Amino acid sequence: MSPSITTRLTIAGMTSMHSVHAVYTALTPVEGIVRVQIGVGQATVQHDGRATCEALADAIAVAGYEVTECTEERGRLPVL
């Protein structure tokens, strides 16, 4: 089954590849994540719905960074 929700995060304070690794590591225990793409200052997370904006922001805060924007896109069924 493919992930049904894509969450895009803007993250303050990330300035290096070290911060990318720290955020990736912090997101590891969040349940429901299927795929993560992280760059300096941003992350895109595909998940099954259990990884809410709040859960993702809390995990990233543990790494010392702040989520300043979070948007979700829910998958849509194709129109036949």
N, C-alpha and C. Protein backbone atom coordinates (compact mmCIF):
# COMPACT_ATOMS: atom_id res chain seq x y z
N MET A 1 0.83 -1.17 0.00
CA MET A 1 0.00 0.00 0.00
C MET A 1 0.89 1.25 0.00
N SER A 2 0.60 2.22 -0.86
CA SER A 2 1.41 3.43 -0.93
C SER A 2 0.94 4.43 0.13
N PRO A 3 1.84 5.32 0.53
CA PRO A 3 1.46 6.30 1.54
C PRO A 3 0.37 7.22 1.00
N SER A 4 -0.53 7.64 1.87
CA SER A 4 -1.65 8.45 1.42
C SER A 4 -1.50 9.92 1.78
N ILE A 5 -0.54 10.28 2.63
CA ILE A 5 -0.38 11.67 3.04
C ILE A 5 1.08 12.10 2.85
N THR A 6 1.25 13.28 2.27
CA THR A 6 2.57 13.90 2.15
C THR A 6 2.54 15.18 2.97
N THR A 7 3.47 15.29 3.90
CA THR A 7 3.59 16.48 4.75
C THR A 7 4.88 17.20 4.41
N ARG A 8 4.75 18.50 4.15
CA ARG A 8 5.91 19.34 3.86
C ARG A 8 6.15 20.27 5.04
N LEU A 9 7.39 20.29 5.50
CA LEU A 9 7.75 21.07 6.69
C LEU A 9 8.82 22.09 6.33
N THR A 10 8.68 23.29 6.87
CA THR A 10 9.74 24.30 6.83
C THR A 10 10.33 24.32 8.23
N ILE A 11 11.66 24.24 8.30
CA ILE A 11 12.33 24.07 9.58
C ILE A 11 13.36 25.18 9.79
N ALA A 12 13.21 25.93 10.88
CA ALA A 12 14.13 27.02 11.20
C ALA A 12 15.36 26.48 11.92
N GLY A 13 16.49 27.12 11.65
CA GLY A 13 17.72 26.80 12.36
C GLY A 13 18.63 25.79 11.68
N MET A 14 18.16 25.17 10.62
CA MET A 14 18.99 24.19 9.92
C MET A 14 19.95 24.94 8.99
N THR A 15 21.25 24.73 9.18
CA THR A 15 22.23 25.46 8.37
C THR A 15 23.31 24.57 7.76
N SER A 16 23.26 23.27 8.03
CA SER A 16 24.35 22.41 7.58
C SER A 16 23.86 20.99 7.33
N MET A 17 24.73 20.18 6.77
CA MET A 17 24.40 18.77 6.57
C MET A 17 24.29 18.05 7.91
N HIS A 18 24.99 18.55 8.93
CA HIS A 18 24.85 17.97 10.27
C HIS A 18 23.40 18.11 10.74
N SER A 19 22.79 19.27 10.49
CA SER A 19 21.41 19.48 10.91
C SER A 19 20.46 18.57 10.13
N VAL A 20 20.76 18.31 8.87
CA VAL A 20 19.95 17.38 8.06
C VAL A 20 19.97 16.00 8.71
N HIS A 21 21.14 15.54 9.08
CA HIS A 21 21.28 14.23 9.72
C HIS A 21 20.56 14.21 11.07
N ALA A 22 20.68 15.29 11.84
CA ALA A 22 20.03 15.34 13.16
C ALA A 22 18.51 15.26 13.03
N VAL A 23 17.94 15.96 12.06
CA VAL A 23 16.49 15.93 11.86
C VAL A 23 16.06 14.55 11.37
N TYR A 24 16.81 13.97 10.45
CA TYR A 24 16.49 12.63 9.97
C TYR A 24 16.46 11.64 11.13
N THR A 25 17.47 11.69 11.96
CA THR A 25 17.55 10.79 13.11
C THR A 25 16.39 11.02 14.08
N ALA A 26 16.01 12.29 14.29
CA ALA A 26 14.92 12.61 15.20
C ALA A 26 13.58 12.09 14.69
N LEU A 27 13.41 12.02 13.38
CA LEU A 27 12.15 11.55 12.80
C LEU A 27 12.02 10.02 12.80
N THR A 28 13.12 9.33 12.98
CA THR A 28 13.13 7.86 12.91
C THR A 28 12.08 7.18 13.79
N PRO A 29 11.87 7.60 15.05
CA PRO A 29 10.91 6.88 15.88
C PRO A 29 9.43 7.24 15.64
N VAL A 30 9.14 8.22 14.79
CA VAL A 30 7.76 8.62 14.56
C VAL A 30 7.04 7.53 13.78
N GLU A 31 5.94 7.03 14.34
CA GLU A 31 5.21 5.93 13.71
C GLU A 31 4.48 6.37 12.45
N GLY A 32 4.45 5.48 11.47
CA GLY A 32 3.69 5.70 10.26
C GLY A 32 4.47 6.28 9.10
N ILE A 33 5.72 6.71 9.34
CA ILE A 33 6.52 7.29 8.26
C ILE A 33 6.95 6.20 7.29
N VAL A 34 6.77 6.48 6.01
CA VAL A 34 7.15 5.54 4.96
C VAL A 34 8.41 6.04 4.24
N ARG A 35 8.52 7.37 4.06
CA ARG A 35 9.66 7.93 3.33
C ARG A 35 9.90 9.36 3.81
N VAL A 36 11.19 9.74 3.89
CA VAL A 36 11.56 11.10 4.31
C VAL A 36 12.60 11.64 3.34
N GLN A 37 12.40 12.87 2.91
CA GLN A 37 13.42 13.60 2.13
C GLN A 37 13.70 14.88 2.90
N ILE A 38 14.98 15.11 3.23
CA ILE A 38 15.35 16.26 4.04
C ILE A 38 16.44 17.05 3.34
N GLY A 39 16.29 18.35 3.34
CA GLY A 39 17.31 19.28 2.88
C GLY A 39 17.46 20.36 3.94
N VAL A 40 18.43 21.22 3.77
CA VAL A 40 18.64 22.29 4.74
C VAL A 40 17.39 23.18 4.77
N GLY A 41 16.72 23.22 5.91
CA GLY A 41 15.56 24.08 6.10
C GLY A 41 14.22 23.50 5.70
N GLN A 42 14.19 22.25 5.25
CA GLN A 42 12.91 21.67 4.81
C GLN A 42 12.93 20.16 4.89
N ALA A 43 11.73 19.59 4.96
CA ALA A 43 11.58 18.13 4.93
C ALA A 43 10.25 17.79 4.28
N THR A 44 10.24 16.67 3.57
CA THR A 44 9.02 16.12 2.99
C THR A 44 8.87 14.72 3.54
N VAL A 45 7.72 14.45 4.16
CA VAL A 45 7.49 13.17 4.83
C VAL A 45 6.26 12.51 4.22
N GLN A 46 6.40 11.29 3.76
CA GLN A 46 5.25 10.50 3.30
C GLN A 46 4.91 9.53 4.42
N HIS A 47 3.61 9.47 4.75
CA HIS A 47 3.21 8.63 5.88
C HIS A 47 1.78 8.15 5.72
N ASP A 48 1.38 7.30 6.65
CA ASP A 48 0.06 6.68 6.58
C ASP A 48 -1.01 7.42 7.37
N GLY A 49 -0.68 8.59 7.91
CA GLY A 49 -1.66 9.37 8.66
C GLY A 49 -1.37 9.46 10.14
N ARG A 50 -0.55 8.58 10.65
CA ARG A 50 -0.23 8.63 12.08
C ARG A 50 0.79 9.71 12.42
N ALA A 51 1.58 10.13 11.45
CA ALA A 51 2.62 11.14 11.68
C ALA A 51 2.02 12.53 11.45
N THR A 52 1.36 13.05 12.47
CA THR A 52 0.71 14.36 12.39
C THR A 52 1.76 15.48 12.37
N CYS A 53 1.32 16.68 11.98
CA CYS A 53 2.22 17.83 12.03
C CYS A 53 2.78 18.01 13.44
N GLU A 54 1.92 17.83 14.44
CA GLU A 54 2.36 17.98 15.83
C GLU A 54 3.41 16.95 16.21
N ALA A 55 3.20 15.71 15.83
CA ALA A 55 4.16 14.64 16.14
C ALA A 55 5.50 14.89 15.45
N LEU A 56 5.45 15.33 14.20
CA LEU A 56 6.68 15.62 13.46
C LEU A 56 7.41 16.81 14.07
N ALA A 57 6.67 17.87 14.41
CA ALA A 57 7.27 19.06 15.02
C ALA A 57 7.89 18.73 16.38
N ASP A 58 7.21 17.90 17.17
CA ASP A 58 7.75 17.50 18.47
C ASP A 58 9.06 16.73 18.31
N ALA A 59 9.10 15.82 17.35
CA ALA A 59 10.32 15.04 17.11
C ALA A 59 11.47 15.94 16.66
N ILE A 60 11.17 16.88 15.78
CA ILE A 60 12.20 17.80 15.29
C ILE A 60 12.68 18.72 16.40
N ALA A 61 11.79 19.10 17.31
CA ALA A 61 12.18 19.94 18.45
C ALA A 61 13.20 19.24 19.34
N VAL A 62 13.10 17.92 19.44
CA VAL A 62 14.07 17.15 20.23
C VAL A 62 15.47 17.32 19.66
N ALA A 63 15.56 17.48 18.34
CA ALA A 63 16.87 17.68 17.68
C ALA A 63 17.34 19.13 17.79
N GLY A 64 16.48 20.03 18.33
CA GLY A 64 16.88 21.40 18.52
C GLY A 64 16.44 22.37 17.44
N TYR A 65 15.48 21.96 16.61
CA TYR A 65 15.03 22.81 15.51
C TYR A 65 13.53 23.05 15.63
N GLU A 66 13.05 24.11 14.97
CA GLU A 66 11.65 24.49 15.08
C GLU A 66 10.96 24.42 13.73
N VAL A 67 9.82 23.76 13.69
CA VAL A 67 8.99 23.72 12.49
C VAL A 67 8.20 25.03 12.44
N THR A 68 8.38 25.80 11.35
CA THR A 68 7.69 27.08 11.22
C THR A 68 6.47 26.99 10.30
N GLU A 69 6.42 25.95 9.49
CA GLU A 69 5.27 25.75 8.61
C GLU A 69 5.11 24.27 8.33
N CYS A 70 3.86 23.83 8.31
CA CYS A 70 3.56 22.42 8.05
C CYS A 70 2.30 22.35 7.19
N THR A 71 2.41 21.71 6.03
CA THR A 71 1.26 21.54 5.16
C THR A 71 1.11 20.06 4.80
N GLU A 72 -0.12 19.61 4.72
CA GLU A 72 -0.40 18.21 4.39
C GLU A 72 -1.18 18.13 3.08
N GLU A 73 -0.83 17.14 2.29
CA GLU A 73 -1.56 16.82 1.07
C GLU A 73 -2.04 15.39 1.18
N ARG A 74 -3.31 15.21 1.15
CA ARG A 74 -3.87 13.86 1.24
C ARG A 74 -4.00 13.29 -0.16
N GLY A 75 -3.70 12.00 -0.29
CA GLY A 75 -3.83 11.31 -1.57
C GLY A 75 -5.28 11.28 -2.01
N ARG A 76 -5.47 11.30 -3.30
CA ARG A 76 -6.83 11.28 -3.85
C ARG A 76 -7.01 10.03 -4.70
N LEU A 77 -8.22 9.54 -4.67
CA LEU A 77 -8.54 8.41 -5.54
C LEU A 77 -8.66 8.91 -6.97
N PRO A 78 -8.20 8.12 -7.93
CA PRO A 78 -8.33 8.55 -9.33
C PRO A 78 -9.81 8.55 -9.75
N VAL A 79 -10.16 9.48 -10.60
CA VAL A 79 -11.51 9.56 -11.13
C VAL A 79 -11.57 8.66 -12.35
N LEU A 80 -12.53 7.76 -12.36
CA LEU A 80 -12.66 6.83 -13.49
C LEU A 80 -13.82 7.22 -14.39
